[in-house]
């Protein structure tokens, strides 16, 4: 923009330039007005109101069952009494957290929780990827049958799975011991020997969880363009080479996201698996006990709600920190593969 100026004679006969009072100076230049944050968001919501209506049930579910109950976190810092209520109970600070860290079994249950979850995550991911690749090689008419067979255990409760495991592991009438006796071997007291239980729990978890994870990876494979595989076939690539050079690399972002979400639950064990499958046998606590089962037994025997709330709060905070840390590491390595 050019400045407007007028030329006037001075006393010495010279000329001087005078800026017009209505001229625009660089400081007076105004930028286009930006819409406020709320106006932009309101416009965005109006343009996507159909999608917003579809998301209302999920939003309400999260609010009611995830965010509103967070008010109860203060119980972890109070000596909760039923007669005084949540807000009237005495404030005790971090005393409830000492229940977990000062106990003799703190190291054992923490070690078991972390190592079991790490084993579940790695083994389930590898096995689910393998099955997803196999499902992709099947004809369409067989795929649905195998999908249903793999996914069915996911819907079974741990109580029912516990009875199924008991039918196999019972000392006198269990299927495994009867088979061992028929083959000339001695029966095994499964619920009194803690050594084989890490393998038993991993097998049971794999049987129940692999179907859901397999279908997620199979859906990811379905989204891969067939042009990659067609070009690989023209170049003479084998099925194994296509799986390792095309399928797995293109599924890497999905694998990373699933792994980050699993890391968030590293300090939160599967209570049903570790309580019902070992049948809460005291002989097996050294190898099957985790934070969740220990807190449940303590709550049932002592009845201290504040201590159990403190442990739950501790698990949530650690899980949140682990998710942030894992996502930060992934973002440093490859920003495209991070969750945010």
Protein backbone atom coordinates (compact mmCIF):
# COMPACT_ATOMS: atom_id res chain seq x y z
CA UNK A 1 0.00 0.00 0.00
CA UNK A 2 1.48 3.40 -0.99
CA UNK A 3 1.47 6.29 1.48
CA UNK A 4 -0.48 9.39 0.51
CA UNK A 5 1.63 12.57 0.75
CA UNK A 6 1.15 16.25 -0.14
CA UNK A 7 3.93 18.60 -1.21
CA UNK A 8 4.04 22.13 0.30
CA UNK A 9 6.36 25.10 -0.09
CA UNK A 10 8.42 26.01 2.92
CA UNK A 11 9.79 29.40 3.93
CA UNK A 12 13.07 28.85 2.03
CA UNK A 13 11.28 28.04 -1.20
CA UNK A 14 11.92 24.39 -0.85
CA UNK A 15 9.46 21.66 -0.72
CA UNK A 16 8.55 19.34 2.08
CA UNK A 17 6.57 16.16 2.08
CA UNK A 18 3.70 16.00 4.49
CA UNK A 19 1.99 12.76 5.33
CA UNK A 20 -1.73 12.83 4.93
CA UNK A 21 -3.51 12.35 8.18
CA UNK A 22 -5.75 9.74 6.55
CA UNK A 23 -2.82 7.72 5.22
CA UNK A 24 -2.25 4.18 6.47
CA UNK A 25 0.98 3.61 8.35
CA UNK A 26 2.56 0.18 8.64
CA UNK A 27 1.53 0.05 12.29
CA UNK A 28 -2.08 0.72 11.38
CA UNK A 29 -2.34 -2.18 9.00
CA UNK A 30 -4.93 -4.51 10.34
CA UNK A 31 -4.87 -8.26 9.80
CA UNK A 32 -8.03 -10.08 8.76
CA UNK A 33 -10.10 -10.82 11.79
CA UNK A 34 -9.76 -14.45 12.87
CA UNK A 35 -12.82 -16.23 14.07
CA UNK A 36 -12.85 -17.05 17.72
CA UNK A 37 -12.16 -20.59 18.88
CA UNK A 38 -15.75 -21.18 19.97
CA UNK A 39 -17.17 -19.91 16.66
CA UNK A 40 -14.88 -22.20 14.70
CA UNK A 41 -15.76 -25.17 16.88
CA UNK A 42 -19.48 -24.39 16.66
CA UNK A 43 -19.24 -24.22 12.87
CA UNK A 44 -17.32 -27.50 12.84
CA UNK A 45 -19.98 -29.19 15.01
CA UNK A 46 -22.81 -27.88 12.81
CA UNK A 47 -21.14 -29.19 9.67
CA UNK A 48 -20.66 -32.63 11.29
CA UNK A 49 -23.86 -32.84 13.33
CA UNK A 50 -24.80 -36.27 11.90
CA UNK A 51 -21.50 -37.76 13.06
CA UNK A 52 -21.89 -36.01 16.40
CA UNK A 53 -25.32 -37.58 16.92
CA UNK A 54 -23.87 -41.01 16.14
CA UNK A 55 -21.15 -40.47 18.76
CA UNK A 56 -23.56 -39.36 21.52
CA UNK A 57 -24.05 -42.89 23.00
CA UNK A 58 -20.28 -43.41 23.22
CA UNK A 59 -19.75 -39.97 24.74
CA UNK A 60 -22.46 -40.58 27.36
CA UNK A 61 -20.97 -43.99 28.16
CA UNK A 62 -17.54 -42.44 28.75
CA UNK A 63 -18.95 -39.62 30.84
CA UNK A 64 -21.07 -41.86 33.06
CA UNK A 65 -18.67 -44.76 33.55
CA UNK A 66 -15.24 -43.11 33.15
CA UNK A 67 -15.30 -39.41 34.01
CA UNK A 68 -18.07 -38.93 36.59
CA UNK A 69 -16.69 -41.73 38.85
CA UNK A 70 -13.31 -39.94 38.93
CA UNK A 71 -14.74 -37.85 41.75
CA UNK A 72 -14.31 -40.96 43.88
CA UNK A 73 -10.53 -40.76 43.54
CA UNK A 74 -10.46 -38.80 46.78
CA UNK A 75 -11.32 -42.05 48.59
CA UNK A 76 -7.72 -43.11 47.95
CA UNK A 77 -6.56 -40.25 50.18
CA UNK A 78 -9.11 -40.72 52.96
CA UNK A 79 -9.93 -43.16 55.73
CA UNK A 80 -13.27 -44.00 54.19
CA UNK A 81 -16.15 -44.69 56.52
CA UNK A 82 -19.61 -45.62 55.30
CA UNK A 83 -21.36 -43.56 57.96
CA UNK A 84 -19.40 -40.38 57.12
CA UNK A 85 -19.48 -40.78 53.37
CA UNK A 86 -16.93 -39.89 50.74
CA UNK A 87 -16.59 -36.21 51.62
CA UNK A 88 -16.97 -36.51 55.37
CA UNK A 89 -14.29 -39.16 55.94
CA UNK A 90 -10.94 -38.16 57.44
CA UNK A 91 -8.13 -37.11 55.10
CA UNK A 92 -5.05 -39.33 55.56
CA UNK A 93 -2.92 -38.33 52.56
CA UNK A 94 -0.65 -41.08 51.20
CA UNK A 95 -1.12 -43.50 54.11
CA UNK A 96 -3.28 -45.82 52.00
CA UNK A 97 -0.53 -46.23 49.41
CA UNK A 98 1.84 -47.68 52.02
CA UNK A 99 -0.40 -50.74 52.11
CA UNK A 100 0.99 -51.85 48.74
CA UNK A 101 4.61 -50.75 49.02
CA UNK A 102 5.35 -51.85 52.58
CA UNK A 103 3.97 -55.37 52.31
CA UNK A 104 6.36 -58.33 52.05
CA UNK A 105 4.78 -59.48 48.81
CA UNK A 106 4.99 -56.11 47.01
CA UNK A 107 7.96 -57.14 44.86
CA UNK A 108 6.45 -60.52 44.01
CA UNK A 109 3.05 -59.27 42.88
CA UNK A 110 4.57 -56.34 40.95
CA UNK A 111 7.03 -58.65 39.20
CA UNK A 112 4.30 -61.14 38.30
CA UNK A 113 1.97 -58.42 37.01
CA UNK A 114 4.57 -56.82 34.74
CA UNK A 115 6.14 -60.03 33.42
CA UNK A 116 2.81 -61.74 32.72
CA UNK A 117 1.46 -58.72 30.84
CA UNK A 118 4.68 -58.41 28.87
CA UNK A 119 4.51 -62.10 27.94
CA UNK A 120 0.83 -61.85 26.99
CA UNK A 121 1.50 -58.83 24.79
CA UNK A 122 4.45 -60.28 22.88
CA UNK A 123 3.12 -63.83 22.41
CA UNK A 124 -0.41 -62.74 21.51
CA UNK A 125 0.86 -60.20 18.97
CA UNK A 126 3.13 -62.71 17.21
CA UNK A 127 0.51 -65.48 17.19
CA UNK A 128 -2.30 -63.15 16.06
CA UNK A 129 -0.19 -61.80 13.18
CA UNK A 130 0.62 -65.35 12.09
CA UNK A 131 -3.05 -66.39 12.14
CA UNK A 132 -4.15 -63.20 10.38
CA UNK A 133 -1.72 -63.93 7.54
CA UNK A 134 -3.03 -67.51 7.33
CA UNK A 135 -6.65 -66.30 7.26
CA UNK A 136 -5.75 -64.01 4.39
CA UNK A 137 -4.60 -67.02 2.38
CA UNK A 138 -7.83 -68.97 2.87
CA UNK A 139 -10.74 -68.95 0.47
CA UNK A 140 -13.62 -66.68 1.42
CA UNK A 141 -16.03 -69.54 2.21
CA UNK A 142 -13.68 -70.92 4.88
CA UNK A 143 -12.67 -67.57 6.35
CA UNK A 144 -15.96 -66.96 8.20
CA UNK A 145 -15.86 -70.35 9.87
CA UNK A 146 -12.34 -69.85 11.21
CA UNK A 147 -13.11 -66.28 12.24
CA UNK A 148 -16.06 -67.49 14.33
CA UNK A 149 -14.04 -70.35 15.82
CA UNK A 150 -11.24 -67.99 16.84
CA UNK A 151 -13.53 -65.24 18.12
CA UNK A 152 -15.92 -67.41 20.16
CA UNK A 153 -13.69 -67.81 23.28
CA UNK A 154 -13.52 -64.02 23.58
CA UNK A 155 -17.18 -63.98 24.68
CA UNK A 156 -16.80 -66.64 27.37
CA UNK A 157 -16.62 -65.44 30.98
CA UNK A 158 -13.58 -66.29 33.08
CA UNK A 159 -15.84 -68.19 35.47
CA UNK A 160 -16.84 -70.58 32.70
CA UNK A 161 -13.25 -70.82 31.43
CA UNK A 162 -12.19 -71.61 35.00
CA UNK A 163 -14.54 -74.61 35.06
CA UNK A 164 -13.21 -75.75 31.68
CA UNK A 165 -9.64 -75.52 33.00
CA UNK A 166 -10.67 -77.44 36.14
CA UNK A 167 -12.10 -80.22 33.96
CA UNK A 168 -8.64 -80.58 32.40
CA UNK A 169 -6.51 -80.09 35.52
CA UNK A 170 -8.47 -81.81 38.27
CA UNK A 171 -6.19 -84.25 40.13
CA UNK A 172 -8.55 -87.22 40.24
CA UNK A 173 -10.91 -86.83 37.28
CA UNK A 174 -9.15 -84.30 35.07
CA UNK A 175 -8.68 -85.09 31.41
CA UNK A 176 -4.91 -84.54 31.48
CA UNK A 177 -4.29 -86.75 34.52
CA UNK A 178 -6.50 -89.52 33.15
CA UNK A 179 -4.51 -89.38 29.92
CA UNK A 180 -1.23 -89.52 31.86
CA UNK A 181 -2.42 -92.53 33.87
CA UNK A 182 -3.53 -94.31 30.67
CA UNK A 183 -0.05 -93.75 29.24
CA UNK A 184 1.61 -95.14 32.36
CA UNK A 185 2.68 -91.84 33.97
CA UNK A 186 1.95 -90.53 37.46
CA UNK A 187 -0.80 -87.91 37.84
CA UNK A 188 0.22 -84.33 38.57
CA UNK A 189 -1.21 -82.18 41.35
CA UNK A 190 -1.71 -79.14 39.15
CA UNK A 191 -3.25 -76.96 41.85
CA UNK A 192 -0.40 -77.62 44.28
CA UNK A 193 2.62 -77.26 41.99
CA UNK A 194 3.38 -73.66 40.98
CA UNK A 195 6.11 -74.44 38.43
CA UNK A 196 3.96 -75.12 35.32
CA UNK A 197 1.46 -72.31 35.95
CA UNK A 198 3.20 -69.53 33.98
CA UNK A 199 2.85 -71.72 30.89
CA UNK A 200 -0.73 -72.69 31.72
CA UNK A 201 -1.82 -69.07 32.18
CA UNK A 202 -0.14 -67.99 28.94
CA UNK A 203 -1.84 -70.81 27.01
CA UNK A 204 -5.27 -70.01 28.47
CA UNK A 205 -4.86 -66.28 27.82
CA UNK A 206 -3.72 -66.98 24.27
CA UNK A 207 -6.72 -69.24 23.64
CA UNK A 208 -9.17 -66.62 24.87
CA UNK A 209 -7.61 -63.41 23.51
CA UNK A 210 -6.04 -64.42 20.23
CA UNK A 211 -9.31 -64.34 18.26
CA UNK A 212 -10.04 -60.67 18.92
CA UNK A 213 -6.49 -59.56 18.15
CA UNK A 214 -6.37 -61.73 15.02
CA UNK A 215 -9.51 -60.11 13.62
CA UNK A 216 -8.03 -56.64 14.17
CA UNK A 217 -4.90 -57.53 12.22
CA UNK A 218 -6.94 -59.37 9.59
CA UNK A 219 -9.01 -56.22 9.07
CA UNK A 220 -5.76 -54.31 8.66
CA UNK A 221 -4.61 -56.79 6.01
CA UNK A 222 -7.91 -56.33 4.17
CA UNK A 223 -7.08 -52.64 3.87
CA UNK A 224 -3.80 -53.30 2.06
CA UNK A 225 -4.04 -52.74 -1.69
CA UNK A 226 -3.87 -55.91 -3.76
CA UNK A 227 -1.56 -54.17 -6.23
CA UNK A 228 1.38 -54.76 -3.89
CA UNK A 229 0.82 -58.52 -3.89
CA UNK A 230 0.15 -58.62 -7.63
CA UNK A 231 3.43 -56.86 -8.35
CA UNK A 232 5.23 -59.22 -5.97
CA UNK A 233 3.77 -62.27 -7.74
CA UNK A 234 4.95 -60.93 -11.09
CA UNK A 235 8.44 -60.59 -9.62
CA UNK A 236 8.28 -64.20 -8.41
CA UNK A 237 7.94 -63.56 -4.67
CA UNK A 238 6.83 -66.44 -2.46
CA UNK A 239 4.01 -66.31 0.10
CA UNK A 240 6.55 -66.05 2.91
CA UNK A 241 8.37 -63.18 1.22
CA UNK A 242 5.12 -61.29 0.60
CA UNK A 243 4.13 -61.71 4.25
CA UNK A 244 7.50 -60.50 5.56
CA UNK A 245 8.15 -57.75 3.00
CA UNK A 246 4.62 -56.42 2.38
CA UNK A 247 2.09 -57.47 5.02
CA UNK A 248 4.08 -57.00 8.21
CA UNK A 249 5.71 -53.66 7.22
CA UNK A 250 2.36 -52.17 6.18
CA UNK A 251 0.78 -53.37 9.44
CA UNK A 252 3.53 -51.76 11.52
CA UNK A 253 1.48 -48.65 12.49
CA UNK A 254 -1.39 -50.87 13.67
CA UNK A 255 0.98 -53.14 15.59
CA UNK A 256 2.55 -50.12 17.32
CA UNK A 257 -0.84 -48.68 18.31
CA UNK A 258 -1.96 -52.02 19.75
CA UNK A 259 1.33 -52.36 21.61
CA UNK A 260 1.08 -48.85 23.10
CA UNK A 261 -2.43 -49.59 24.35
CA UNK A 262 -1.20 -52.87 25.86
CA UNK A 263 1.68 -51.08 27.60
CA UNK A 264 -0.89 -48.84 29.28
CA UNK A 265 -2.30 -51.92 31.03
CA UNK A 266 1.11 -53.24 32.09
CA UNK A 267 0.40 -52.63 35.80
CA UNK A 268 -3.24 -53.75 35.58
CA UNK A 269 -3.46 -57.52 35.48
CA UNK A 270 -6.31 -59.69 34.25
CA UNK A 271 -8.13 -60.46 37.48
CA UNK A 272 -10.42 -63.15 36.05
CA UNK A 273 -7.56 -65.08 34.50
CA UNK A 274 -5.37 -65.05 37.60
CA UNK A 275 -8.17 -65.70 40.08
CA UNK A 276 -10.50 -68.25 38.49
CA UNK A 277 -8.06 -70.35 36.45
CA UNK A 278 -5.71 -71.16 39.41
CA UNK A 279 -8.88 -71.61 41.49
CA UNK A 280 -7.45 -69.19 44.10
CA UNK A 281 -5.15 -71.90 45.38
CA UNK A 282 -2.76 -70.72 48.09
CA UNK A 283 -0.08 -73.11 46.82
CA UNK A 284 0.14 -71.14 43.57
CA UNK A 285 0.42 -67.56 44.88
CA UNK A 286 4.15 -67.39 44.23
CA UNK A 287 3.64 -67.76 40.47
CA UNK A 288 0.04 -66.64 39.83
CA UNK A 289 -0.60 -63.80 42.29
CA UNK A 290 -0.76 -60.30 40.79
CA UNK A 291 -1.63 -56.86 42.15
CA UNK A 292 -5.35 -57.18 41.37
CA UNK A 293 -5.85 -60.58 43.03
CA UNK A 294 -3.81 -59.54 46.07
CA UNK A 295 -5.85 -56.36 46.55
CA UNK A 296 -9.09 -58.31 46.15
CA UNK A 297 -8.13 -60.77 48.87
CA UNK A 298 -6.98 -57.93 51.12
CA UNK A 299 -10.25 -56.07 50.57
CA UNK A 300 -12.27 -59.20 51.27
CA UNK A 301 -10.39 -59.95 54.49
CA UNK A 302 -9.75 -56.42 55.81
CA UNK A 303 -12.65 -54.60 54.15
CA UNK A 304 -10.66 -51.38 53.62
CA UNK A 305 -12.10 -49.64 50.56
CA UNK A 306 -9.57 -46.79 50.73
CA UNK A 307 -6.60 -49.13 50.28
CA UNK A 308 -8.10 -50.78 47.20
CA UNK A 309 -8.92 -47.34 45.76
CA UNK A 310 -5.33 -46.24 46.34
CA UNK A 311 -3.96 -49.25 44.46
CA UNK A 312 -6.38 -48.68 41.57
CA UNK A 313 -5.34 -45.04 41.40
CA UNK A 314 -1.66 -46.04 41.41
CA UNK A 315 -2.22 -48.51 38.56
CA UNK A 316 -4.06 -45.91 36.49
CA UNK A 317 -1.39 -43.24 36.94
CA UNK A 318 1.45 -45.63 36.09
CA UNK A 319 -0.47 -46.89 33.04
CA UNK A 320 -1.05 -43.33 31.85
CA UNK A 321 2.64 -42.48 32.25
CA UNK A 322 3.66 -45.64 30.39
CA UNK A 323 1.36 -44.80 27.47
CA UNK A 324 2.81 -41.28 27.24
CA UNK A 325 6.36 -42.63 27.45
CA UNK A 326 5.79 -45.35 24.85
CA UNK A 327 4.13 -42.91 22.45
CA UNK A 328 6.94 -40.42 23.00
CA UNK A 329 9.57 -43.03 22.15
CA UNK A 330 7.69 -44.04 19.00
CA UNK A 331 7.30 -40.39 18.02
CA UNK A 332 11.07 -39.86 18.34
CA UNK A 333 11.77 -42.86 16.12
CA UNK A 334 9.00 -42.36 13.57
CA UNK A 335 6.40 -39.59 14.09
CA UNK A 336 4.06 -41.14 11.51
CA UNK A 337 3.56 -44.23 13.67
CA UNK A 338 2.73 -42.44 16.93
CA UNK A 339 -0.82 -42.17 18.26
CA UNK A 340 -0.66 -38.37 18.52
